[in-house]
């Protein structure tokens, strides 16, 4: 019997993109990880602000980055590309 050759999944390939779209647990774990990362970065910035330090551009950038991580996690979980009706 001839054996079928299995091609490895490379990052960025069409197959890996389909896997993330279909796999609910993959999206949930990835999105939750990003959201928790955003919460961690935000809490680190809040800890510095509680000491009474003035807002610096670095703290503003850190809070902005935390918001971006959290939003990215929400987008991965919601999967708006697949759910759009266009």
PDB file of N, CA and C in Angstrom:
ATOM      1  N   UNK A   1       0.832  -1.178   0.000  1.00  0.00           N
ATOM      2  CA  UNK A   1       0.000   0.000   0.000  1.00  0.00           C
ATOM      3  C   UNK A   1       0.881   1.248   0.000  1.00  0.00           C
ATOM      4  N   UNK A   2       0.597   2.185  -0.857  1.00  0.00           N
ATOM      5  CA  UNK A   2       1.404   3.409  -0.865  1.00  0.00           C
ATOM      6  C   UNK A   2       1.069   4.282   0.343  1.00  0.00           C
ATOM      7  N   UNK A   3       2.104   4.879   0.898  1.00  0.00           N
ATOM      8  CA  UNK A   3       1.912   5.766   2.043  1.00  0.00           C
ATOM      9  C   UNK A   3       1.668   7.184   1.562  1.00  0.00           C
ATOM     10  N   UNK A   4       0.780   7.853   2.250  1.00  0.00           N
ATOM     11  CA  UNK A   4       0.533   9.252   1.923  1.00  0.00           C
ATOM     12  C   UNK A   4       1.567  10.109   2.614  1.00  0.00           C
ATOM     13  N   UNK A   5       2.040  11.095   1.930  1.00  0.00           N
ATOM     14  CA  UNK A   5       2.995  12.001   2.553  1.00  0.00           C
ATOM     15  C   UNK A   5       2.222  13.107   3.256  1.00  0.00           C
ATOM     16  N   UNK A   6       2.644  13.418   4.448  1.00  0.00           N
ATOM     17  CA  UNK A   6       1.994  14.451   5.238  1.00  0.00           C
ATOM     18  C   UNK A   6       2.890  15.677   5.234  1.00  0.00           C
ATOM     19  N   UNK A   7       2.340  16.781   4.774  1.00  0.00           N
ATOM     20  CA  UNK A   7       3.102  18.022   4.748  1.00  0.00           C
ATOM     21  C   UNK A   7       3.014  18.691   6.113  1.00  0.00           C
ATOM     22  N   UNK A   8       4.137  19.164   6.636  1.00  0.00           N
ATOM     23  CA  UNK A   8       4.080  19.849   7.928  1.00  0.00           C
ATOM     24  C   UNK A   8       3.372  21.189   7.808  1.00  0.00           C
ATOM     25  N   UNK A   9       2.726  21.590   8.876  1.00  0.00           N
ATOM     26  CA  UNK A   9       2.028  22.875   8.912  1.00  0.00           C
ATOM     27  C   UNK A   9       3.035  23.944   9.290  1.00  0.00           C
ATOM     28  N   UNK A  10       3.225  24.898   8.412  1.00  0.00           N
ATOM     29  CA  UNK A  10       4.157  25.987   8.693  1.00  0.00           C
ATOM     30  C   UNK A  10       3.378  27.195   9.173  1.00  0.00           C
ATOM     31  N   UNK A  11       3.978  27.994  10.060  1.00  0.00           N
ATOM     32  CA  UNK A  11       3.277  29.197  10.520  1.00  0.00           C
ATOM     33  C   UNK A  11       2.950  30.115   9.347  1.00  0.00           C
ATOM     34  N   UNK A  12       1.738  30.607   9.331  1.00  0.00           N
ATOM     35  CA  UNK A  12       1.309  31.514   8.274  1.00  0.00           C
ATOM     36  C   UNK A  12       0.740  30.806   7.063  1.00  0.00           C
ATOM     37  N   UNK A  13       0.743  29.482   7.058  1.00  0.00           N
ATOM     38  CA  UNK A  13       0.199  28.770   5.916  1.00  0.00           C
ATOM     39  C   UNK A  13      -1.323  28.815   5.948  1.00  0.00           C
ATOM     40  N   UNK A  14      -1.920  28.465   4.857  1.00  0.00           N
ATOM     41  CA  UNK A  14      -3.386  28.486   4.734  1.00  0.00           C
ATOM     42  C   UNK A  14      -4.019  27.498   5.714  1.00  0.00           C
ATOM     43  N   UNK A  15      -3.374  26.348   5.911  1.00  0.00           N
ATOM     44  CA  UNK A  15      -3.918  25.324   6.812  1.00  0.00           C
ATOM     45  C   UNK A  15      -3.919  25.799   8.264  1.00  0.00           C
ATOM     46  N   UNK A  16      -2.860  26.487   8.690  1.00  0.00           N
ATOM     47  CA  UNK A  16      -2.824  26.957  10.081  1.00  0.00           C
ATOM     48  C   UNK A  16      -3.861  28.048  10.313  1.00  0.00           C
ATOM     49  N   UNK A  17      -4.141  28.854   9.288  1.00  0.00           N
ATOM     50  CA  UNK A  17      -5.184  29.873   9.412  1.00  0.00           C
ATOM     51  C   UNK A  17      -6.560  29.223   9.546  1.00  0.00           C
ATOM     52  N   UNK A  18      -6.806  28.170   8.775  1.00  0.00           N
ATOM     53  CA  UNK A  18      -8.088  27.470   8.878  1.00  0.00           C
ATOM     54  C   UNK A  18      -8.236  26.799  10.228  1.00  0.00           C
ATOM     55  N   UNK A  19      -7.143  26.280  10.786  1.00  0.00           N
ATOM     56  CA  UNK A  19      -7.203  25.623  12.077  1.00  0.00           C
ATOM     57  C   UNK A  19      -7.626  26.604  13.163  1.00  0.00           C
ATOM     58  N   UNK A  20      -7.094  27.826  13.125  1.00  0.00           N
ATOM     59  CA  UNK A  20      -7.457  28.816  14.126  1.00  0.00           C
ATOM     60  C   UNK A  20      -8.907  29.263  13.956  1.00  0.00           C
ATOM     61  N   UNK A  21      -9.409  29.277  12.735  1.00  0.00           N
ATOM     62  CA  UNK A  21     -10.802  29.667  12.508  1.00  0.00           C
ATOM     63  C   UNK A  21     -11.779  28.596  12.988  1.00  0.00           C
ATOM     64  N   UNK A  22     -11.443  27.337  12.844  1.00  0.00           N
ATOM     65  CA  UNK A  22     -12.368  26.254  13.183  1.00  0.00           C
ATOM     66  C   UNK A  22     -12.235  25.772  14.617  1.00  0.00           C
ATOM     67  N   UNK A  23     -11.089  25.935  15.217  1.00  0.00           N
ATOM     68  CA  UNK A  23     -10.810  25.336  16.522  1.00  0.00           C
ATOM     69  C   UNK A  23     -11.207  26.319  17.636  1.00  0.00           C
ATOM     70  N   UNK A  24     -12.347  26.092  18.268  1.00  0.00           N
ATOM     71  CA  UNK A  24     -12.842  26.992  19.313  1.00  0.00           C
ATOM     72  C   UNK A  24     -11.894  27.022  20.499  1.00  0.00           C
ATOM     73  N   UNK A  25     -11.391  25.870  20.913  1.00  0.00           N
ATOM     74  CA  UNK A  25     -10.496  25.843  22.072  1.00  0.00           C
ATOM     75  C   UNK A  25      -9.186  26.563  21.778  1.00  0.00           C
ATOM     76  N   UNK A  26      -8.703  26.479  20.530  1.00  0.00           N
ATOM     77  CA  UNK A  26      -7.469  27.201  20.161  1.00  0.00           C
ATOM     78  C   UNK A  26      -7.687  28.710  20.277  1.00  0.00           C
ATOM     79  N   UNK A  27      -8.829  29.172  19.774  1.00  0.00           N
ATOM     80  CA  UNK A  27      -9.128  30.609  19.860  1.00  0.00           C
ATOM     81  C   UNK A  27      -9.324  31.047  21.297  1.00  0.00           C
ATOM     82  N   UNK A  28      -9.986  30.214  22.098  1.00  0.00           N
ATOM     83  CA  UNK A  28     -10.244  30.564  23.482  1.00  0.00           C
ATOM     84  C   UNK A  28      -8.943  30.644  24.285  1.00  0.00           C
ATOM     85  N   UNK A  29      -8.067  29.687  24.107  1.00  0.00           N
ATOM     86  CA  UNK A  29      -6.796  29.690  24.842  1.00  0.00           C
ATOM     87  C   UNK A  29      -5.921  30.855  24.396  1.00  0.00           C
ATOM     88  N   UNK A  30      -5.828  31.080  23.089  1.00  0.00           N
ATOM     89  CA  UNK A  30      -5.007  32.180  22.585  1.00  0.00           C
ATOM     90  C   UNK A  30      -5.548  33.534  23.034  1.00  0.00           C
ATOM     91  N   UNK A  31      -6.860  33.713  22.878  1.00  0.00           N
ATOM     92  CA  UNK A  31      -7.472  34.981  23.259  1.00  0.00           C
ATOM     93  C   UNK A  31      -7.392  35.245  24.752  1.00  0.00           C
ATOM     94  N   UNK A  32      -7.635  34.212  25.554  1.00  0.00           N
ATOM     95  CA  UNK A  32      -7.561  34.382  27.005  1.00  0.00           C
ATOM     96  C   UNK A  32      -6.128  34.676  27.439  1.00  0.00           C
ATOM     97  N   UNK A  33      -5.167  34.048  26.793  1.00  0.00           N
ATOM     98  CA  UNK A  33      -3.762  34.322  27.106  1.00  0.00           C
ATOM     99  C   UNK A  33      -3.383  35.762  26.810  1.00  0.00           C
ATOM    100  N   UNK A  34      -3.848  36.274  25.682  1.00  0.00           N
ATOM    101  CA  UNK A  34      -3.571  37.671  25.350  1.00  0.00           C
ATOM    102  C   UNK A  34      -4.275  38.625  26.307  1.00  0.00           C
ATOM    103  N   UNK A  35      -5.505  38.295  26.679  1.00  0.00           N
ATOM    104  CA  UNK A  35      -6.227  39.160  27.612  1.00  0.00           C
ATOM    105  C   UNK A  35      -5.570  39.154  28.989  1.00  0.00           C
ATOM    106  N   UNK A  36      -5.117  38.002  29.443  1.00  0.00           N
ATOM    107  CA  UNK A  36      -4.413  37.946  30.733  1.00  0.00           C
ATOM    108  C   UNK A  36      -3.072  38.667  30.667  1.00  0.00           C
ATOM    109  N   UNK A  37      -2.415  38.598  29.523  1.00  0.00           N
ATOM    110  CA  UNK A  37      -1.165  39.349  29.351  1.00  0.00           C
ATOM    111  C   UNK A  37      -1.427  40.850  29.444  1.00  0.00           C
ATOM    112  N   UNK A  38      -2.509  41.291  28.833  1.00  0.00           N
ATOM    113  CA  UNK A  38      -2.874  42.699  28.918  1.00  0.00           C
ATOM    114  C   UNK A  38      -3.173  43.126  30.348  1.00  0.00           C
ATOM    115  N   UNK A  39      -3.857  42.253  31.100  1.00  0.00           N
ATOM    116  CA  UNK A  39      -4.149  42.565  32.502  1.00  0.00           C
ATOM    117  C   UNK A  39      -2.865  42.638  33.323  1.00  0.00           C
ATOM    118  N   UNK A  40      -1.912  41.764  33.037  1.00  0.00           N
ATOM    119  CA  UNK A  40      -0.639  41.770  33.755  1.00  0.00           C
ATOM    120  C   UNK A  40       0.143  43.052  33.479  1.00  0.00           C
ATOM    121  N   UNK A  41       0.200  43.448  32.220  1.00  0.00           N
ATOM    122  CA  UNK A  41       0.928  44.674  31.860  1.00  0.00           C
ATOM    123  C   UNK A  41       0.248  45.887  32.484  1.00  0.00           C
ATOM    124  N   UNK A  42      -1.082  45.907  32.470  1.00  0.00           N
ATOM    125  CA  UNK A  42      -1.813  47.022  33.067  1.00  0.00           C
ATOM    126  C   UNK A  42      -1.577  47.097  34.575  1.00  0.00           C
ATOM    127  N   UNK A  43      -1.606  45.959  35.257  1.00  0.00           N
ATOM    128  CA  UNK A  43      -1.369  45.952  36.702  1.00  0.00           C
ATOM    129  C   UNK A  43       0.046  46.389  37.045  1.00  0.00           C
ATOM    130  N   UNK A  44       1.007  46.065  36.200  1.00  0.00           N
ATOM    131  CA  UNK A  44       2.381  46.520  36.434  1.00  0.00           C
ATOM    132  C   UNK A  44       2.452  48.048  36.351  1.00  0.00           C
ATOM    133  N   UNK A  45       1.729  48.629  35.403  1.00  0.00           N
ATOM    134  CA  UNK A  45       1.708  50.091  35.288  1.00  0.00           C
ATOM    135  C   UNK A  45       0.965  50.715  36.472  1.00  0.00           C
ATOM    136  N   UNK A  46      -0.126  50.089  36.889  1.00  0.00           N
ATOM    137  CA  UNK A  46      -0.889  50.614  38.034  1.00  0.00           C
ATOM    138  C   UNK A  46      -0.075  50.561  39.321  1.00  0.00           C
ATOM    139  N   UNK A  47       0.742  49.539  39.468  1.00  0.00           N
ATOM    140  CA  UNK A  47       1.576  49.409  40.659  1.00  0.00           C
ATOM    141  C   UNK A  47       2.558  50.584  40.741  1.00  0.00           C
ATOM    142  N   UNK A  48       3.099  50.991  39.617  1.00  0.00           N
ATOM    143  CA  UNK A  48       4.019  52.130  39.595  1.00  0.00           C
ATOM    144  C   UNK A  48       3.262  53.423  39.876  1.00  0.00           C
ATOM    145  N   UNK A  49       2.056  53.556  39.331  1.00  0.00           N
ATOM    146  CA  UNK A  49       1.283  54.780  39.534  1.00  0.00           C
ATOM    147  C   UNK A  49       0.827  54.929  40.984  1.00  0.00           C
ATOM    148  N   UNK A  50       0.604  53.830  41.681  1.00  0.00           N
ATOM    149  CA  UNK A  50       0.162  53.894  43.079  1.00  0.00           C
ATOM    150  C   UNK A  50       1.238  54.455  44.000  1.00  0.00           C
ATOM    151  N   UNK A  51       2.488  54.408  43.573  1.00  0.00           N
ATOM    152  CA  UNK A  51       3.563  54.946  44.410  1.00  0.00           C
ATOM    153  C   UNK A  51       3.598  56.464  44.374  1.00  0.00           C
ATOM    154  N   UNK A  52       2.811  57.078  43.500  1.00  0.00           N
ATOM    155  CA  UNK A  52       2.754  58.526  43.438  1.00  0.00           C
ATOM    156  C   UNK A  52       3.623  59.123  42.346  1.00  0.00           C
ATOM    157  N   UNK A  53       4.162  58.296  41.484  1.00  0.00           N
ATOM    158  CA  UNK A  53       4.985  58.780  40.382  1.00  0.00           C
ATOM    159  C   UNK A  53       4.084  59.454  39.351  1.00  0.00           C
ATOM    160  N   UNK A  54       4.569  60.566  38.796  1.00  0.00           N
ATOM    161  CA  UNK A  54       3.800  61.249  37.758  1.00  0.00           C
ATOM    162  C   UNK A  54       3.718  60.384  36.500  1.00  0.00           C
ATOM    163  N   UNK A  55       2.674  60.627  35.721  1.00  0.00           N
ATOM    164  CA  UNK A  55       2.511  59.880  34.474  1.00  0.00           C
ATOM    165  C   UNK A  55       3.622  60.258  33.505  1.00  0.00           C
ATOM    166  N   UNK A  56       4.354  59.281  33.078  1.00  0.00           N
ATOM    167  CA  UNK A  56       5.420  59.498  32.106  1.00  0.00           C
ATOM    168  C   UNK A  56       4.974  58.915  30.768  1.00  0.00           C
ATOM    169  N   UNK A  57       5.631  59.287  29.690  1.00  0.00           N
ATOM    170  CA  UNK A  57       5.276  58.690  28.394  1.00  0.00           C
ATOM    171  C   UNK A  57       5.431  57.166  28.398  1.00  0.00           C
ATOM    172  N   UNK A  58       6.368  56.653  29.191  1.00  0.00           N
ATOM    173  CA  UNK A  58       6.535  55.203  29.279  1.00  0.00           C
ATOM    174  C   UNK A  58       5.336  54.525  29.906  1.00  0.00           C
ATOM    175  N   UNK A  59       4.780  55.133  30.949  1.00  0.00           N
ATOM    176  CA  UNK A  59       3.582  54.563  31.581  1.00  0.00           C
ATOM    177  C   UNK A  59       2.379  54.631  30.646  1.00  0.00           C
ATOM    178  N   UNK A  60       2.265  55.731  29.936  1.00  0.00           N
ATOM    179  CA  UNK A  60       1.158  55.859  28.976  1.00  0.00           C
ATOM    180  C   UNK A  60       1.293  54.800  27.884  1.00  0.00           C
ATOM    181  N   UNK A  61       2.508  54.582  27.408  1.00  0.00           N
ATOM    182  CA  UNK A  61       2.742  53.560  26.385  1.00  0.00           C
ATOM    183  C   UNK A  61       2.438  52.166  26.933  1.00  0.00           C
ATOM    184  N   UNK A  62       2.788  51.928  28.189  1.00  0.00           N
ATOM    185  CA  UNK A  62       2.529  50.627  28.799  1.00  0.00           C
ATOM    186  C   UNK A  62       1.029  50.362  28.937  1.00  0.00           C
ATOM    187  N   UNK A  63       0.278  51.371  29.348  1.00  0.00           N
ATOM    188  CA  UNK A  63      -1.172  51.213  29.473  1.00  0.00           C
ATOM    189  C   UNK A  63      -1.819  51.031  28.099  1.00  0.00           C
ATOM    190  N   UNK A  64      -1.326  51.770  27.109  1.00  0.00           N
ATOM    191  CA  UNK A  64      -1.838  51.624  25.744  1.00  0.00           C
ATOM    192  C   UNK A  64      -1.556  50.226  25.200  1.00  0.00           C
ATOM    193  N   UNK A  65      -0.344  49.738  25.454  1.00  0.00           N
ATOM    194  CA  UNK A  65       0.019  48.393  25.012  1.00  0.00           C
ATOM    195  C   UNK A  65      -0.855  47.339  25.687  1.00  0.00           C
ATOM    196  N   UNK A  66      -1.157  47.541  26.966  1.00  0.00           N
ATOM    197  CA  UNK A  66      -2.032  46.612  27.692  1.00  0.00           C
ATOM    198  C   UNK A  66      -3.428  46.591  27.065  1.00  0.00           C
ATOM    199  N   UNK A  67      -3.935  47.751  26.701  1.00  0.00           N
ATOM    200  CA  UNK A  67      -5.236  47.811  26.047  1.00  0.00           C
ATOM    201  C   UNK A  67      -5.231  47.128  24.691  1.00  0.00           C
ATOM    202  N   UNK A  68      -4.142  47.284  23.959  1.00  0.00           N
ATOM    203  CA  UNK A  68      -4.028  46.632  22.650  1.00  0.00           C
ATOM    204  C   UNK A  68      -3.990  45.110  22.786  1.00  0.00           C
ATOM    205  N   UNK A  69      -3.237  44.606  23.768  1.00  0.00           N
ATOM    206  CA  UNK A  69      -3.192  43.158  24.000  1.00  0.00           C
ATOM    207  C   UNK A  69      -4.568  42.612  24.338  1.00  0.00           C
ATOM    208  N   UNK A  70      -5.281  43.324  25.200  1.00  0.00           N
ATOM    209  CA  UNK A  70      -6.615  42.877  25.598  1.00  0.00           C
ATOM    210  C   UNK A  70      -7.578  42.897  24.410  1.00  0.00           C
ATOM    211  N   UNK A  71      -7.520  43.956  23.617  1.00  0.00           N
ATOM    212  CA  UNK A  71      -8.392  44.047  22.446  1.00  0.00           C
ATOM    213  C   UNK A  71      -8.071  42.958  21.431  1.00  0.00           C
ATOM    214  N   UNK A  72      -6.809  42.650  21.255  1.00  0.00           N
ATOM    215  CA  UNK A  72      -6.403  41.592  20.335  1.00  0.00           C
ATOM    216  C   UNK A  72      -6.966  40.246  20.798  1.00  0.00           C
ATOM    217  N   UNK A  73      -6.936  40.001  22.107  1.00  0.00           N
ATOM    218  CA  UNK A  73      -7.512  38.773  22.644  1.00  0.00           C
ATOM    219  C   UNK A  73      -9.003  38.671  22.394  1.00  0.00           C
ATOM    220  N   UNK A  74      -9.712  39.772  22.555  1.00  0.00           N
ATOM    221  CA  UNK A  74     -11.153  39.787  22.301  1.00  0.00           C
ATOM    222  C   UNK A  74     -11.437  39.512  20.826  1.00  0.00           C
ATOM    223  N   UNK A  75     -10.640  40.085  19.940  1.00  0.00           N
ATOM    224  CA  UNK A  75     -10.844  39.887  18.499  1.00  0.00           C
ATOM    225  C   UNK A  75     -10.602  38.428  18.125  1.00  0.00           C
ATOM    226  N   UNK A  76      -9.590  37.807  18.705  1.00  0.00           N
ATOM    227  CA  UNK A  76      -9.329  36.400  18.385  1.00  0.00           C
ATOM    228  C   UNK A  76     -10.479  35.521  18.858  1.00  0.00           C
ATOM    229  N   UNK A  77     -11.001  35.791  20.033  1.00  0.00           N
ATOM    230  CA  UNK A  77     -12.116  34.980  20.534  1.00  0.00           C
ATOM    231  C   UNK A  77     -13.381  35.227  19.715  1.00  0.00           C
ATOM    232  N   UNK A  78     -13.671  36.483  19.382  1.00  0.00           N
ATOM    233  CA  UNK A  78     -14.902  36.811  18.661  1.00  0.00           C
ATOM    234  C   UNK A  78     -14.854  36.364  17.214  1.00  0.00           C
ATOM    235  N   UNK A  79     -13.675  36.310  16.593  1.00  0.00           N
ATOM    236  CA  UNK A  79     -13.494  35.899  15.198  1.00  0.00           C
ATOM    237  C   UNK A  79     -14.429  36.671  14.265  1.00  0.00           C
ATOM    238  N   UNK A  80     -14.264  38.003  14.166  1.00  0.00           N
ATOM    239  CA  UNK A  80     -15.203  38.801  13.381  1.00  0.00           C
ATOM    240  C   UNK A  80     -15.133  38.528  11.871  1.00  0.00           C
ATOM    241  N   UNK A  81     -14.025  38.017  11.366  1.00  0.00           N
ATOM    242  CA  UNK A  81     -13.913  37.766   9.933  1.00  0.00           C
ATOM    243  C   UNK A  81     -14.873  36.651   9.516  1.00  0.00           C
ATOM    244  N   UNK A  82     -14.911  35.593  10.297  1.00  0.00           N
ATOM    245  CA  UNK A  82     -15.792  34.464   9.967  1.00  0.00           C
ATOM    246  C   UNK A  82     -17.253  34.822  10.234  1.00  0.00           C
ATOM    247  N   UNK A  83     -17.521  35.654  11.229  1.00  0.00           N
ATOM    248  CA  UNK A  83     -18.898  35.969  11.606  1.00  0.00           C
ATOM    249  C   UNK A  83     -19.496  37.108  10.798  1.00  0.00           C
ATOM    250  N   UNK A  84     -18.718  37.753   9.920  1.00  0.00           N
ATOM    251  CA  UNK A  84     -19.267  38.865   9.150  1.00  0.00           C
ATOM    252  C   UNK A  84     -20.197  38.336   8.068  1.00  0.00           C
ATOM    253  N   UNK A  85     -21.211  39.098   7.741  1.00  0.00           N
ATOM    254  CA  UNK A  85     -22.225  38.687   6.769  1.00  0.00           C
ATOM    255  C   UNK A  85     -22.046  39.366   5.422  1.00  0.00           C
ATOM    256  N   UNK A  86     -20.824  39.708   5.079  1.00  0.00           N
ATOM    257  CA  UNK A  86     -20.577  40.431   3.811  1.00  0.00           C
ATOM    258  C   UNK A  86     -20.532  39.476   2.651  1.00  0.00           C
TER     259      UNK A  86
END
